[in-house]
Amino acid sequence: VKMVMVGAGIQPKQGCYDTDCGSPFFDLDFWQSGWIRGASDQKIVEGYGQGIFGPNKIITRAEATALTARAFNVPPHAGCYSANCGAGQPNNFFLDIVEMWPGPWVRALWDKGWITGTGPNTFEPNRPMTRAELTKLIMTARGSK
């Protein structure tokens, strides 16, 4: 979250004096609290429900795509009728996107040329995103601003 926020030029919430910084999440470390609170206030992150954000959890390619799109004000693709939302069309559909939620985000960044698949017909939405992949995505997004 911090990498994407810094890349997008978004500042953390200031004046945080406890580990949750007034956010709905109780599982944050102090240094994370301002970044997560700022991202939560701007609807960039949602967490996993019931006060859990999972700040030390590995981020997936699907989660990082949605996070980056939100931080850079890219709306999800509208009019999706399949899980992959047509991402990768016309000749390389991402057939491994089977949940409905990431398709519109992947499609939106695919259309902008910010993200690609990992191979023929694959996006690997549940694979952890590496720091190098995330850095490339952020730098691509910054270059398009």
C-alpha atoms as a PDB file:
ATOM      1  CA  VAL A   1       0.000   0.000   0.000  1.00  0.00           C
ATOM      2  CA  LYS A   2       2.772   2.418   0.868  1.00  0.00           C
ATOM      3  CA  MET A   3       4.574   1.832  -2.438  1.00  0.00           C
ATOM      4  CA  VAL A   4       1.426   2.523  -4.453  1.00  0.00           C
ATOM      5  CA  MET A   5       0.464   5.544  -2.349  1.00  0.00           C
ATOM      6  CA  VAL A   6       3.937   7.080  -2.712  1.00  0.00           C
ATOM      7  CA  GLY A   7       3.889   6.323  -6.440  1.00  0.00           C
ATOM      8  CA  ALA A   8       0.509   8.017  -6.815  1.00  0.00           C
ATOM      9  CA  GLY A   9       1.639  11.035  -4.773  1.00  0.00           C
ATOM     10  CA  ILE A  10      -0.841  10.355  -1.951  1.00  0.00           C
ATOM     11  CA  GLN A  11       0.249  11.323   1.545  1.00  0.00           C
ATOM     12  CA  PRO A  12      -0.456   9.226   4.649  1.00  0.00           C
ATOM     13  CA  LYS A  13      -2.930  10.414   7.269  1.00  0.00           C
ATOM     14  CA  GLN A  14      -1.077  12.729   9.629  1.00  0.00           C
ATOM     15  CA  GLY A  15      -1.431  12.933  13.385  1.00  0.00           C
ATOM     16  CA  CYS A  16      -1.661   9.224  14.124  1.00  0.00           C
ATOM     17  CA  TYR A  17      -0.818   8.376  17.698  1.00  0.00           C
ATOM     18  CA  ASP A  18      -1.905   4.764  17.929  1.00  0.00           C
ATOM     19  CA  THR A  19      -1.680   1.608  15.858  1.00  0.00           C
ATOM     20  CA  ASP A  20      -5.063   1.950  14.144  1.00  0.00           C
ATOM     21  CA  CYS A  21      -4.955   5.733  13.492  1.00  0.00           C
ATOM     22  CA  GLY A  22      -8.742   5.770  13.739  1.00  0.00           C
ATOM     23  CA  SER A  23      -9.100   3.264  10.913  1.00  0.00           C
ATOM     24  CA  PRO A  24     -11.466   0.292  11.165  1.00  0.00           C
ATOM     25  CA  PHE A  25      -8.467  -2.094  11.326  1.00  0.00           C
ATOM     26  CA  PHE A  26      -7.005  -3.429  14.567  1.00  0.00           C
ATOM     27  CA  ASP A  27      -4.118  -5.464  13.085  1.00  0.00           C
ATOM     28  CA  LEU A  28      -1.791  -2.625  12.026  1.00  0.00           C
ATOM     29  CA  ASP A  29       1.689  -1.780  13.232  1.00  0.00           C
ATOM     30  CA  PHE A  30       2.252   1.861  14.156  1.00  0.00           C
ATOM     31  CA  TRP A  31       4.320   2.734  11.052  1.00  0.00           C
ATOM     32  CA  GLN A  32       1.582   1.327   8.787  1.00  0.00           C
ATOM     33  CA  SER A  33      -1.337   3.100  10.405  1.00  0.00           C
ATOM     34  CA  GLY A  34      -1.113   6.467   8.625  1.00  0.00           C
ATOM     35  CA  TRP A  35      -0.710   4.845   5.213  1.00  0.00           C
ATOM     36  CA  ILE A  36      -3.569   2.402   5.699  1.00  0.00           C
ATOM     37  CA  ARG A  37      -5.853   5.044   7.236  1.00  0.00           C
ATOM     38  CA  GLY A  38      -5.168   7.395   4.331  1.00  0.00           C
ATOM     39  CA  ALA A  39      -5.842   4.634   1.789  1.00  0.00           C
ATOM     40  CA  SER A  40      -8.992   3.563   3.659  1.00  0.00           C
ATOM     41  CA  ASP A  41     -10.325   7.123   3.839  1.00  0.00           C
ATOM     42  CA  GLN A  42      -9.907   7.485   0.069  1.00  0.00           C
ATOM     43  CA  LYS A  43     -11.555   4.086  -0.630  1.00  0.00           C
ATOM     44  CA  ILE A  44      -8.333   2.702  -2.100  1.00  0.00           C
ATOM     45  CA  VAL A  45      -8.329  -0.287   0.280  1.00  0.00           C
ATOM     46  CA  GLU A  46     -11.085  -2.215   2.001  1.00  0.00           C
ATOM     47  CA  GLY A  47      -9.443  -4.905   4.118  1.00  0.00           C
ATOM     48  CA  TYR A  48     -10.765  -8.377   4.728  1.00  0.00           C
ATOM     49  CA  GLY A  49     -13.673  -7.490   7.030  1.00  0.00           C
ATOM     50  CA  GLN A  50     -14.244  -7.550  10.807  1.00  0.00           C
ATOM     51  CA  GLY A  51     -11.380  -5.145  11.524  1.00  0.00           C
ATOM     52  CA  ILE A  52      -8.786  -7.152   9.607  1.00  0.00           C
ATOM     53  CA  PHE A  53      -6.559  -5.528   7.018  1.00  0.00           C
ATOM     54  CA  GLY A  54      -3.779  -8.126   6.827  1.00  0.00           C
ATOM     55  CA  PRO A  55      -0.884  -5.651   6.481  1.00  0.00           C
ATOM     56  CA  ASN A  56       1.770  -8.356   6.519  1.00  0.00           C
ATOM     57  CA  LYS A  57      -0.088 -10.626   4.114  1.00  0.00           C
ATOM     58  CA  ILE A  58       1.368 -11.144   0.657  1.00  0.00           C
ATOM     59  CA  ILE A  59      -0.490  -9.127  -1.982  1.00  0.00           C
ATOM     60  CA  THR A  60      -1.779 -10.993  -5.029  1.00  0.00           C
ATOM     61  CA  ARG A  61      -1.576  -9.774  -8.609  1.00  0.00           C
ATOM     62  CA  ALA A  62      -5.349  -9.204  -8.592  1.00  0.00           C
ATOM     63  CA  GLU A  63      -5.241  -7.199  -5.334  1.00  0.00           C
ATOM     64  CA  ALA A  64      -2.283  -5.107  -6.513  1.00  0.00           C
ATOM     65  CA  THR A  65      -4.055  -4.370  -9.795  1.00  0.00           C
ATOM     66  CA  ALA A  66      -7.186  -3.139  -8.009  1.00  0.00           C
ATOM     67  CA  LEU A  67      -5.128  -1.154  -5.476  1.00  0.00           C
ATOM     68  CA  THR A  68      -3.130   0.563  -8.208  1.00  0.00           C
ATOM     69  CA  ALA A  69      -6.202   1.340 -10.287  1.00  0.00           C
ATOM     70  CA  ARG A  70      -7.958   2.943  -7.310  1.00  0.00           C
ATOM     71  CA  ALA A  71      -4.887   4.946  -6.255  1.00  0.00           C
ATOM     72  CA  PHE A  72      -4.429   6.313  -9.783  1.00  0.00           C
ATOM     73  CA  ASN A  73      -8.170   7.025 -10.181  1.00  0.00           C
ATOM     74  CA  VAL A  74      -8.798   4.447 -12.903  1.00  0.00           C
ATOM     75  CA  PRO A  75     -12.385   3.186 -12.636  1.00  0.00           C
ATOM     76  CA  PRO A  76     -13.151  -0.496 -13.132  1.00  0.00           C
ATOM     77  CA  HIS A  77     -14.182  -1.460 -16.642  1.00  0.00           C
ATOM     78  CA  ALA A  78     -17.967  -1.254 -16.983  1.00  0.00           C
ATOM     79  CA  GLY A  79     -20.186  -3.810 -18.645  1.00  0.00           C
ATOM     80  CA  CYS A  80     -18.411  -7.004 -17.665  1.00  0.00           C
ATOM     81  CA  TYR A  81     -20.271 -10.213 -18.453  1.00  0.00           C
ATOM     82  CA  SER A  82     -17.558 -12.750 -17.655  1.00  0.00           C
ATOM     83  CA  ALA A  83     -15.090 -13.189 -14.809  1.00  0.00           C
ATOM     84  CA  ASN A  84     -12.147 -12.025 -16.914  1.00  0.00           C
ATOM     85  CA  CYS A  85     -14.196  -9.144 -18.331  1.00  0.00           C
ATOM     86  CA  GLY A  86     -12.582  -9.705 -21.681  1.00  0.00           C
ATOM     87  CA  ALA A  87      -9.151  -8.784 -20.346  1.00  0.00           C
ATOM     88  CA  GLY A  88      -6.470  -9.868 -22.765  1.00  0.00           C
ATOM     89  CA  GLN A  89      -8.722  -9.826 -25.818  1.00  0.00           C
ATOM     90  CA  PRO A  90      -8.862 -10.341 -28.708  1.00  0.00           C
ATOM     91  CA  ASN A  91      -6.296 -13.120 -28.904  1.00  0.00           C
ATOM     92  CA  ASN A  92      -5.112 -13.751 -25.359  1.00  0.00           C
ATOM     93  CA  PHE A  93      -8.042 -13.959 -22.948  1.00  0.00           C
ATOM     94  CA  PHE A  94      -6.984 -14.435 -19.335  1.00  0.00           C
ATOM     95  CA  LEU A  95      -8.824 -17.683 -18.755  1.00  0.00           C
ATOM     96  CA  ASP A  96      -7.465 -18.103 -15.216  1.00  0.00           C
ATOM     97  CA  ILE A  97      -9.473 -15.147 -13.858  1.00  0.00           C
ATOM     98  CA  VAL A  98     -12.453 -17.052 -12.489  1.00  0.00           C
ATOM     99  CA  GLU A  99     -13.687 -14.773  -9.687  1.00  0.00           C
ATOM    100  CA  MET A 100     -15.828 -11.813 -10.754  1.00  0.00           C
ATOM    101  CA  TRP A 101     -14.263  -9.072  -8.608  1.00  0.00           C
ATOM    102  CA  PRO A 102     -10.803  -8.690 -10.250  1.00  0.00           C
ATOM    103  CA  GLY A 103     -11.928  -8.826 -13.893  1.00  0.00           C
ATOM    104  CA  PRO A 104     -13.072  -5.184 -14.206  1.00  0.00           C
ATOM    105  CA  TRP A 105      -9.863  -3.926 -12.557  1.00  0.00           C
ATOM    106  CA  VAL A 106      -7.583  -6.110 -14.685  1.00  0.00           C
ATOM    107  CA  ARG A 107      -9.490  -5.134 -17.826  1.00  0.00           C
ATOM    108  CA  ALA A 108      -9.221  -1.425 -16.995  1.00  0.00           C
ATOM    109  CA  LEU A 109      -5.446  -1.580 -16.595  1.00  0.00           C
ATOM    110  CA  TRP A 110      -5.080  -3.956 -19.558  1.00  0.00           C
ATOM    111  CA  ASP A 111      -6.924  -1.450 -21.756  1.00  0.00           C
ATOM    112  CA  LYS A 112      -4.556   1.320 -20.598  1.00  0.00           C
ATOM    113  CA  GLY A 113      -1.531  -0.868 -21.371  1.00  0.00           C
ATOM    114  CA  TRP A 114      -0.389  -0.802 -17.751  1.00  0.00           C
ATOM    115  CA  ILE A 115      -0.499  -4.542 -17.114  1.00  0.00           C
ATOM    116  CA  THR A 116       0.000  -7.732 -19.082  1.00  0.00           C
ATOM    117  CA  GLY A 117      -0.479 -11.415 -18.545  1.00  0.00           C
ATOM    118  CA  THR A 118       2.201 -13.827 -17.442  1.00  0.00           C
ATOM    119  CA  GLY A 119       1.835 -16.156 -20.409  1.00  0.00           C
ATOM    120  CA  PRO A 120      -0.653 -17.304 -23.011  1.00  0.00           C
ATOM    121  CA  ASN A 121      -4.166 -17.014 -21.566  1.00  0.00           C
ATOM    122  CA  THR A 122      -2.833 -16.480 -18.043  1.00  0.00           C
ATOM    123  CA  PHE A 123      -2.809 -13.583 -15.626  1.00  0.00           C
ATOM    124  CA  GLU A 124      -2.182 -15.565 -12.430  1.00  0.00           C
ATOM    125  CA  PRO A 125      -4.492 -13.365 -10.333  1.00  0.00           C
ATOM    126  CA  ASN A 126      -3.838 -15.284  -7.102  1.00  0.00           C
ATOM    127  CA  ARG A 127      -0.059 -15.446  -7.436  1.00  0.00           C
ATOM    128  CA  PRO A 128       1.850 -13.070  -5.167  1.00  0.00           C
ATOM    129  CA  MET A 129       2.954  -9.939  -7.000  1.00  0.00           C
ATOM    130  CA  THR A 130       6.676  -9.343  -6.712  1.00  0.00           C
ATOM    131  CA  ARG A 131       8.107  -5.979  -5.730  1.00  0.00           C
ATOM    132  CA  ALA A 132       9.641  -5.744  -9.199  1.00  0.00           C
ATOM    133  CA  GLU A 133       6.250  -6.301 -10.866  1.00  0.00           C
ATOM    134  CA  LEU A 134       4.589  -3.767  -8.582  1.00  0.00           C
ATOM    135  CA  THR A 135       7.357  -1.227  -9.202  1.00  0.00           C
ATOM    136  CA  LYS A 136       6.938  -1.651 -12.969  1.00  0.00           C
ATOM    137  CA  LEU A 137       3.162  -1.205 -12.648  1.00  0.00           C
ATOM    138  CA  ILE A 138       3.550   1.934 -10.529  1.00  0.00           C
ATOM    139  CA  MET A 139       6.159   3.442 -12.861  1.00  0.00           C
ATOM    140  CA  THR A 140       3.945   2.696 -15.884  1.00  0.00           C
ATOM    141  CA  ALA A 141       0.993   4.344 -14.135  1.00  0.00           C
ATOM    142  CA  ARG A 142       3.101   7.389 -13.200  1.00  0.00           C
ATOM    143  CA  GLY A 143       4.302   7.731 -16.777  1.00  0.00           C
ATOM    144  CA  SER A 144       0.705   7.814 -17.971  1.00  0.00           C
ATOM    145  CA  LYS A 145      -0.427  10.603 -15.634  1.00  0.00           C
END
